[in-house]
C-alpha atoms as a PDB file:
ATOM      1  CA  MET A   1      85.816   8.297 -57.401  1.00  0.00           C
ATOM      2  CA  LYS A   2      84.625  10.874 -54.830  1.00  0.00           C
ATOM      3  CA  THR A   3      81.613  12.868 -55.739  1.00  0.00           C
ATOM      4  CA  ARG A   4      81.507  16.627 -55.053  1.00  0.00           C
ATOM      5  CA  ASN A   5      79.008  17.704 -52.308  1.00  0.00           C
ATOM      6  CA  ASP A   6      77.358  20.981 -52.346  1.00  0.00           C
ATOM      7  CA  VAL A   7      76.171  21.790 -48.839  1.00  0.00           C
ATOM      8  CA  VAL A   8      74.122  24.753 -47.451  1.00  0.00           C
ATOM      9  CA  VAL A   9      75.717  26.013 -44.283  1.00  0.00           C
ATOM     10  CA  THR A  10      75.155  29.063 -42.069  1.00  0.00           C
ATOM     11  CA  ILE A  11      78.309  31.038 -41.189  1.00  0.00           C
ATOM     12  CA  ASN A  12      78.052  34.272 -39.144  1.00  0.00           C
ATOM     13  CA  ASN A  13      74.200  34.238 -39.646  1.00  0.00           C
ATOM     14  CA  LYS A  14      74.505  34.067 -43.477  1.00  0.00           C
ATOM     15  CA  GLU A  15      73.710  31.119 -45.686  1.00  0.00           C
ATOM     16  CA  TYR A  16      76.371  29.956 -48.106  1.00  0.00           C
ATOM     17  CA  VAL A  17      76.690  26.934 -50.362  1.00  0.00           C
ATOM     18  CA  ILE A  18      80.144  25.314 -49.976  1.00  0.00           C
ATOM     19  CA  ALA A  19      81.362  22.549 -52.136  1.00  0.00           C
ATOM     20  CA  GLY A  20      83.982  19.863 -51.500  1.00  0.00           C
ATOM     21  CA  TYR A  21      84.715  16.143 -51.987  1.00  0.00           C
ATOM     22  CA  GLU A  22      84.552  15.748 -48.253  1.00  0.00           C
ATOM     23  CA  SER A  23      81.317  14.446 -46.523  1.00  0.00           C
ATOM     24  CA  ASP A  24      78.348  16.739 -45.692  1.00  0.00           C
ATOM     25  CA  GLU A  25      79.205  16.204 -41.983  1.00  0.00           C
ATOM     26  CA  TYR A  26      82.779  17.425 -42.387  1.00  0.00           C
ATOM     27  CA  LEU A  27      81.671  20.606 -44.325  1.00  0.00           C
ATOM     28  CA  GLN A  28      79.183  21.202 -41.558  1.00  0.00           C
ATOM     29  CA  ARG A  29      82.006  20.841 -38.954  1.00  0.00           C
ATOM     30  CA  VAL A  30      84.056  23.485 -40.891  1.00  0.00           C
ATOM     31  CA  ALA A  31      81.161  25.867 -40.820  1.00  0.00           C
ATOM     32  CA  ALA A  32      80.555  25.172 -37.023  1.00  0.00           C
ATOM     33  CA  TYR A  33      84.323  25.888 -36.413  1.00  0.00           C
ATOM     34  CA  MET A  34      84.016  29.205 -38.239  1.00  0.00           C
ATOM     35  CA  ASN A  35      80.975  30.151 -36.276  1.00  0.00           C
ATOM     36  CA  ARG A  36      82.785  29.340 -32.958  1.00  0.00           C
ATOM     37  CA  LYS A  37      85.645  31.677 -34.045  1.00  0.00           C
ATOM     38  CA  TYR A  38      83.221  34.440 -35.075  1.00  0.00           C
ATOM     39  CA  ARG A  39      81.419  34.080 -31.677  1.00  0.00           C
ATOM     40  CA  GLU A  40      84.678  34.096 -29.755  1.00  0.00           C
ATOM     41  CA  PHE A  41      85.814  37.149 -31.694  1.00  0.00           C
ATOM     42  CA  ARG A  42      82.640  39.079 -31.159  1.00  0.00           C
ATOM     43  CA  GLU A  43      83.034  38.524 -27.401  1.00  0.00           C
ATOM     44  CA  GLN A  44      86.368  40.403 -27.328  1.00  0.00           C
ATOM     45  CA  PRO A  45      86.195  43.933 -25.872  1.00  0.00           C
ATOM     46  CA  PHE A  46      87.945  45.532 -29.024  1.00  0.00           C
ATOM     47  CA  TYR A  47      85.622  43.975 -31.570  1.00  0.00           C
ATOM     48  CA  GLY A  48      83.193  46.848 -31.691  1.00  0.00           C
ATOM     49  CA  ARG A  49      85.961  49.401 -32.299  1.00  0.00           C
ATOM     50  CA  LEU A  50      87.302  47.580 -35.487  1.00  0.00           C
ATOM     51  CA  ASN A  51      86.195  48.395 -38.871  1.00  0.00           C
ATOM     52  CA  SER A  52      84.937  45.593 -41.179  1.00  0.00           C
ATOM     53  CA  ASP A  53      88.161  45.021 -42.934  1.00  0.00           C
ATOM     54  CA  MET A  54      90.109  44.903 -39.582  1.00  0.00           C
ATOM     55  CA  ARG A  55      87.593  42.511 -38.193  1.00  0.00           C
ATOM     56  CA  THR A  56      88.114  40.174 -41.206  1.00  0.00           C
ATOM     57  CA  VAL A  57      91.960  40.295 -40.970  1.00  0.00           C
ATOM     58  CA  MET A  58      91.922  39.781 -37.156  1.00  0.00           C
ATOM     59  CA  LEU A  59      89.567  36.788 -37.618  1.00  0.00           C
ATOM     60  CA  GLU A  60      91.818  35.350 -40.326  1.00  0.00           C
ATOM     61  CA  ILE A  61      94.838  35.850 -38.078  1.00  0.00           C
ATOM     62  CA  ASN A  62      93.214  33.907 -35.293  1.00  0.00           C
ATOM     63  CA  MET A  63      92.273  31.157 -37.602  1.00  0.00           C
ATOM     64  CA  ALA A  64      95.827  31.025 -38.974  1.00  0.00           C
ATOM     65  CA  ASP A  65      97.058  30.973 -35.367  1.00  0.00           C
ATOM     66  CA  ASP A  66      94.817  27.880 -34.690  1.00  0.00           C
ATOM     67  CA  TYR A  67      96.145  26.192 -37.850  1.00  0.00           C
ATOM     68  CA  PHE A  68      99.886  26.721 -36.916  1.00  0.00           C
ATOM     69  CA  LYS A  69      99.385  25.687 -33.192  1.00  0.00           C
ATOM     70  CA  ALA A  70      97.587  22.366 -34.476  1.00  0.00           C
ATOM     71  CA  SER A  71     100.371  21.884 -36.992  1.00  0.00           C
ATOM     72  CA  ASP A  72     103.017  22.309 -34.368  1.00  0.00           C
ATOM     73  CA  GLN A  73     101.090  19.825 -32.188  1.00  0.00           C
ATOM     74  CA  VAL A  74     101.058  17.344 -34.922  1.00  0.00           C
ATOM     75  CA  THR A  75     104.823  17.707 -35.523  1.00  0.00           C
ATOM     76  CA  GLU A  76     105.460  17.209 -31.865  1.00  0.00           C
ATOM     77  CA  LEU A  77     103.278  14.063 -31.742  1.00  0.00           C
ATOM     78  CA  GLU A  78     104.992  12.730 -34.843  1.00  0.00           C
ATOM     79  CA  ASP A  79     108.358  13.274 -33.168  1.00  0.00           C
ATOM     80  CA  LEU A  80     107.136  11.451 -30.019  1.00  0.00           C
ATOM     81  CA  ARG A  81     105.860   8.596 -32.084  1.00  0.00           C
ATOM     82  CA  MET A  82     109.194   8.341 -33.852  1.00  0.00           C
ATOM     83  CA  GLN A  83     110.979   8.368 -30.554  1.00  0.00           C
ATOM     84  CA  ASP A  84     108.648   5.729 -29.186  1.00  0.00           C
ATOM     85  CA  SER A  85     109.124   3.543 -32.340  1.00  0.00           C
ATOM     86  CA  GLN A  86     112.808   3.892 -31.896  1.00  0.00           C
ATOM     87  CA  GLU A  87     112.723   2.904 -28.279  1.00  0.00           C
ATOM     88  CA  ILE A  88     110.509  -0.083 -29.091  1.00  0.00           C
ATOM     89  CA  PHE A  89     112.901  -1.243 -31.658  1.00  0.00           C
ATOM     90  CA  ARG A  90     115.883  -0.901 -29.253  1.00  0.00           C
ATOM     91  CA  LEU A  91     113.882  -2.760 -26.512  1.00  0.00           C
ATOM     92  CA  LYS A  92     113.031  -5.585 -28.906  1.00  0.00           C
ATOM     93  CA  HIS A  93     116.626  -6.158 -29.812  1.00  0.00           C
ATOM     94  CA  GLU A  94     117.680  -5.949 -26.191  1.00  0.00           C
ATOM     95  CA  LEU A  95     114.983  -8.588 -25.397  1.00  0.00           C
ATOM     96  CA  MET A  96     116.233 -10.772 -28.181  1.00  0.00           C
ATOM     97  CA  ASP A  97     119.865 -10.553 -26.946  1.00  0.00           C
ATOM     98  CA  LEU A  98     118.700 -11.357 -23.379  1.00  0.00           C
ATOM     99  CA  GLU A  99     116.687 -14.312 -24.636  1.00  0.00           C
ATOM    100  CA  LYS A 100     119.815 -15.520 -26.505  1.00  0.00           C
ATOM    101  CA  LYS A 101     121.848 -15.051 -23.471  1.00  0.00           C
ATOM    102  CA  ILE A 102     119.294 -17.001 -21.371  1.00  0.00           C
ATOM    103  CA  LYS A 103     119.339 -19.891 -23.918  1.00  0.00           C
ATOM    104  CA  GLU A 104     123.137 -19.974 -23.832  1.00  0.00           C
ATOM    105  CA  LEU A 105     123.214 -20.014 -20.046  1.00  0.00           C
ATOM    106  CA  GLN A 106     120.439 -22.802 -19.971  1.00  0.00           C
ATOM    107  CA  ASP A 107     122.603 -24.865 -22.418  1.00  0.00           C
ATOM    108  CA  GLU A 108     125.641 -24.322 -20.339  1.00  0.00           C
ATOM    109  CA  LEU A 109     123.752 -25.365 -17.091  1.00  0.00           C
ATOM    110  CA  GLU A 110     122.514 -28.578 -18.901  1.00  0.00           C
ATOM    111  CA  ALA A 111     126.075 -29.279 -19.994  1.00  0.00           C
ATOM    112  CA  GLN A 112     127.348 -28.743 -16.423  1.00  0.00           C
ATOM    113  CA  LYS A 113     124.501 -30.960 -15.031  1.00  0.00           C
ATOM    114  CA  LYS A 114     125.533 -33.820 -17.439  1.00  0.00           C
ATOM    115  CA  LEU A 115     129.245 -33.386 -16.411  1.00  0.00           C
ATOM    116  CA  ASN A 116     128.295 -33.560 -12.707  1.00  0.00           C
ATOM    117  CA  SER A 117     125.996 -36.461 -13.054  1.00  0.00           C
ATOM    118  CA  GLY A 118     128.882 -38.407 -14.780  1.00  0.00           C
ATOM    119  CA  PHE A 119     130.988 -38.418 -11.521  1.00  0.00           C
END
């Protein structure tokens, strides 16, 4: 059974204790991601003109945008994997059919050789 980890992280220059069943390293990566987003957001020219609530909402929108883009990318990759799996399946069957045809032709060639050697 997984144990709960309580990890002290710094997000936007404030310390927080976050808890989860993931590893300490993972929870630190989450905090690092949030810090990158805060830093990117603060660098935008409009940042200083927004009130605190609007900054929070805009940051959340940007994080949701990252999530949906990553989710769409996962879906695309899963679709490609499925297409590749289907193509591999088709090619394997084609290979089996060709191997069967080669065997039949080899058998036919052997039979013809035997017939020709009898004359």
